[in-house]
Protein backbone atom coordinates (compact mmCIF):
# COMPACT_ATOMS: atom_id res chain seq x y z
CA MET A 1 131.59 82.90 121.06
CA LYS A 2 131.72 86.80 121.48
CA HIS A 3 130.32 88.77 117.94
CA ARG A 4 131.79 91.94 116.71
CA TYR A 5 128.49 93.02 114.88
CA MET A 6 124.89 93.20 116.33
CA PRO A 7 122.22 92.84 113.68
CA ILE A 8 119.74 95.70 114.07
CA SER A 9 117.20 97.29 111.64
CA VAL A 10 117.55 101.22 111.68
CA ALA A 11 115.35 103.38 110.23
CA MET A 12 117.10 105.23 107.31
CA GLY A 13 114.29 107.75 106.07
CA ASP A 14 116.23 111.18 105.99
CA ARG A 15 119.50 110.05 107.87
CA ARG A 16 122.33 112.36 106.45
CA CYS A 17 125.04 110.05 104.82
CA LEU A 18 128.34 110.41 103.36
CA VAL A 19 129.82 108.30 100.85
CA VAL A 20 133.41 109.16 99.86
CA GLY A 21 134.59 107.69 96.68
CA GLY A 22 133.21 107.54 93.26
CA GLY A 23 133.81 104.12 91.69
CA HIS A 24 132.19 100.91 91.58
CA VAL A 25 132.38 100.06 95.15
CA ALA A 26 130.64 103.62 95.99
CA LEU A 27 128.20 103.29 93.40
CA ARG A 28 127.15 99.80 94.99
CA LYS A 29 126.96 101.39 98.41
CA VAL A 30 124.95 104.19 97.31
CA GLU A 31 122.37 102.19 95.51
CA ASN A 32 121.92 100.03 98.60
CA LEU A 33 121.10 103.25 100.80
CA LEU A 34 118.78 104.40 97.92
CA ASP A 35 116.78 101.57 98.94
CA TYR A 36 115.89 102.95 102.16
CA GLU A 37 115.39 106.63 101.43
CA ALA A 38 118.49 107.89 102.88
CA SER A 39 119.76 111.54 102.55
CA ILE A 40 122.94 110.77 100.62
CA THR A 41 126.00 113.21 99.75
CA VAL A 42 128.73 111.72 97.78
CA VAL A 43 132.11 113.40 97.57
CA ALA A 44 134.53 112.51 95.03
CA ARG A 45 137.12 113.90 92.52
CA GLU A 46 136.16 111.40 89.62
CA VAL A 47 132.61 109.64 89.83
CA HIS A 48 131.03 106.80 88.09
CA ASP A 49 128.60 107.83 85.21
CA LYS A 50 125.60 106.46 87.07
CA LEU A 51 126.56 108.45 90.43
CA GLN A 52 126.11 111.70 88.11
CA TYR A 53 122.69 110.00 86.84
CA HIS A 54 121.47 109.69 90.27
CA ALA A 55 122.38 113.27 91.10
CA ARG A 56 120.74 114.81 88.00
CA ARG A 57 117.65 113.03 89.03
CA GLY A 58 117.99 114.65 92.72
CA THR A 59 118.29 111.33 94.59
CA ILE A 60 121.74 111.97 95.94
CA ALA A 61 123.63 115.27 96.27
CA LEU A 62 127.01 115.07 94.42
CA HIS A 63 130.16 117.03 95.11
CA GLU A 64 133.14 116.49 92.65
CA ARG A 65 135.99 117.41 94.70
CA GLU A 66 138.53 116.18 97.27
CA TYR A 67 137.31 115.14 100.51
CA ARG A 68 137.44 117.93 103.08
CA SER A 69 138.61 116.80 106.78
CA PRO A 70 136.65 116.75 109.10
CA GLU A 71 133.47 116.98 107.25
CA ALA A 72 132.62 113.20 108.02
CA GLY A 73 132.05 114.12 111.47
CA ASP A 74 128.93 116.02 110.41
CA TYR A 75 127.26 113.09 109.04
CA GLY A 76 125.43 110.19 110.86
CA LEU A 77 126.44 107.37 108.78
CA VAL A 78 129.75 107.52 106.72
CA ILE A 79 131.25 104.91 104.02
CA SER A 80 134.59 105.57 102.51
CA ALA A 81 135.05 103.57 99.29
CA THR A 82 138.29 104.80 97.82
CA ALA A 83 141.87 103.13 96.68
CA ASP A 84 143.44 105.67 99.06
CA LYS A 85 144.10 104.05 102.25
CA THR A 86 145.58 107.13 103.69
CA LEU A 87 142.20 108.99 102.92
CA ASN A 88 140.24 105.94 103.99
CA ARG A 89 141.88 106.26 107.37
CA ARG A 90 141.19 109.95 107.57
CA VAL A 91 137.80 109.65 106.97
CA TYR A 92 137.43 106.87 109.48
CA GLU A 93 138.96 109.12 112.24
CA ASP A 94 136.85 112.08 111.36
CA ALA A 95 133.44 110.00 111.38
CA ARG A 96 134.63 108.36 114.66
CA LYS A 97 135.57 111.75 116.28
CA GLY A 98 132.15 113.27 115.21
CA GLY A 99 130.18 110.27 116.53
CA ALA A 100 129.23 109.08 112.99
CA LEU A 101 129.02 105.30 112.21
CA VAL A 102 131.57 104.41 109.41
CA ASN A 103 132.41 101.68 107.21
CA VAL A 104 135.48 101.48 104.99
CA ALA A 105 134.99 99.45 102.24
CA ASP A 106 136.95 95.96 102.52
CA ASP A 107 138.86 97.11 105.69
CA PRO A 108 137.03 95.38 108.24
CA PRO A 109 138.86 96.64 111.27
CA HIS A 110 137.85 100.06 110.42
CA CYS A 111 134.15 99.47 109.92
CA ASP A 112 131.55 100.10 112.64
CA PHE A 113 129.10 98.45 110.43
CA ILE A 114 129.26 95.92 107.68
CA PHE A 115 126.75 95.17 104.94
CA PRO A 116 124.73 91.66 105.10
CA ALA A 117 123.95 89.87 102.28
CA VAL A 118 120.20 90.47 101.74
CA LEU A 119 117.39 88.74 100.33
CA ARG A 120 114.09 90.91 99.83
CA ARG A 121 110.24 89.97 99.27
CA ASP A 122 108.34 92.82 99.65
CA CYS A 123 108.56 93.67 103.39
CA LEU A 124 110.29 90.73 104.13
CA THR A 125 114.04 91.47 104.74
CA ALA A 126 116.47 88.17 105.16
CA ALA A 127 119.94 89.29 106.04
CA ILE A 128 123.09 86.90 106.58
CA SER A 129 126.28 87.75 108.33
CA THR A 130 129.37 86.00 108.87
CA ASP A 131 130.61 88.69 111.45
CA GLY A 132 132.73 90.07 108.46
CA LYS A 133 135.05 86.87 108.56
CA ALA A 134 133.69 84.65 105.53
CA PRO A 135 131.83 86.97 103.57
CA PHE A 136 131.67 84.64 100.50
CA MET A 137 129.85 82.14 102.77
CA ALA A 138 127.26 84.89 103.20
CA GLY A 139 126.66 85.27 99.53
CA HIS A 140 126.29 81.45 99.00
CA LEU A 141 123.76 81.21 101.68
CA ARG A 142 121.79 84.07 100.10
CA LEU A 143 121.71 82.25 97.03
CA ILE A 144 120.40 79.27 99.25
CA LEU A 145 117.60 81.51 100.47
CA GLU A 146 116.43 82.33 96.92
CA ASN A 147 114.67 78.60 96.90
CA VAL A 148 113.33 78.94 100.44
CA PHE A 149 111.70 82.30 99.82
CA PRO A 150 110.69 81.92 95.79
CA GLY A 151 109.16 84.53 93.98
CA HIS A 152 105.62 84.14 95.16
CA TRP A 153 106.58 85.46 98.37
CA GLU A 154 106.57 89.10 97.27
CA ARG A 155 102.68 88.73 96.60
CA LEU A 156 102.55 86.56 99.99
CA MET A 157 104.23 89.38 102.03
CA ARG A 158 102.00 92.06 100.70
CA LEU A 159 98.87 89.86 101.58
CA ALA A 160 100.50 89.12 105.32
CA SER A 161 100.85 93.04 105.90
CA SER A 162 97.34 93.56 104.87
CA PHE A 163 96.05 90.46 106.59
CA ARG A 164 97.52 91.86 109.85
CA THR A 165 95.59 95.04 109.69
CA ARG A 166 92.24 93.33 109.14
CA VAL A 167 92.69 91.04 111.85
CA ARG A 168 93.43 93.72 114.10
CA ASP A 169 90.72 95.95 113.30
CA ARG A 170 88.25 93.13 113.57
CA TRP A 171 89.32 91.50 116.60
CA LYS A 172 90.52 94.32 118.71
CA GLY A 173 91.44 93.40 122.51
CA ASP A 174 91.04 89.58 121.46
CA SER A 175 94.78 88.14 121.26
CA GLY A 176 93.16 84.64 121.30
CA LYS A 177 90.96 85.12 118.16
CA LYS A 178 93.87 87.24 116.49
CA ASN A 179 96.25 84.20 117.03
CA LEU A 180 93.80 82.01 115.33
CA CYS A 181 93.36 83.92 112.26
CA TYR A 182 97.18 84.28 111.71
CA GLN A 183 97.56 80.26 112.22
CA ARG A 184 94.85 79.89 109.65
CA PHE A 185 97.16 82.51 107.31
CA LEU A 186 100.42 80.36 107.98
CA GLU A 187 98.88 77.00 107.56
CA ALA A 188 97.33 77.76 104.19
CA ASP A 189 99.39 76.49 100.78
CA TRP A 190 99.79 79.93 99.62
CA LYS A 191 101.92 78.40 96.77
CA ALA A 192 99.11 76.47 95.63
CA LEU A 193 96.41 78.99 96.01
CA PHE A 194 98.06 81.88 93.92
CA LYS A 195 98.46 79.06 90.96
CA GLU A 196 94.96 77.75 91.25
CA ARG A 197 92.63 80.66 92.54
CA SER A 198 91.42 83.86 91.14
CA ASP A 199 92.02 86.93 92.78
CA GLU A 200 88.34 87.00 93.86
CA GLU A 201 88.57 83.24 95.43
CA ILE A 202 91.92 84.43 97.37
CA GLU A 203 89.95 87.42 98.92
CA ASN A 204 87.35 85.10 99.87
CA GLU A 205 89.65 82.91 101.60
CA LEU A 206 91.18 85.71 103.38
CA ALA A 207 87.71 87.12 104.48
CA ARG A 208 87.01 83.47 105.83
CA MET A 209 90.25 83.40 107.85
CA VAL A 210 89.46 86.63 109.43
CA GLU A 211 85.91 85.51 110.39
CA LEU A 212 87.08 82.63 111.38
CA SER A 213 84.28 80.71 109.49
CA THR A 214 84.68 77.16 108.43
């Protein structure tokens, strides 16, 4: 089976993004991008109050005007989220001509990329996509993942990140020892440890794992 959308993780820091539209859908897209430190410009004649709030805070650039063709081609990533199909099509064509990736909200044929259903636990991101064919299933499966990765995974992922750094510093060049440390971390019952042990006791457990002591 051939698939249209390839799942990749893209660094968005300071990437220039254009969102055309100022309603609820545009707001949703903007707040998604804000999580990734993108450089966001919103163009719309009428905008949601919360978009104005983000503009006042300086987290987005807001231009309350009509879209000016072919400005979409000047950006790296473009989202068109208006109720005007003719305008959406023009934004799409301008973006493609300029080499920008583009997403037209609720219009899969005019999307170079789509937004998956996402669950985050600190540095862990679990994304589910149905290749744009059954998004309601992606949303349902995301709810299932809430139980697979319950709240304590936020703390667990922070520990995992710092633990990896400690292991790499302690066992430079020794992949066997590093893998043993990681195996100990993975085998621990972290849900019980978080519930029953103090921060000091957990730190002692991590030190034991790093030193491979019994």
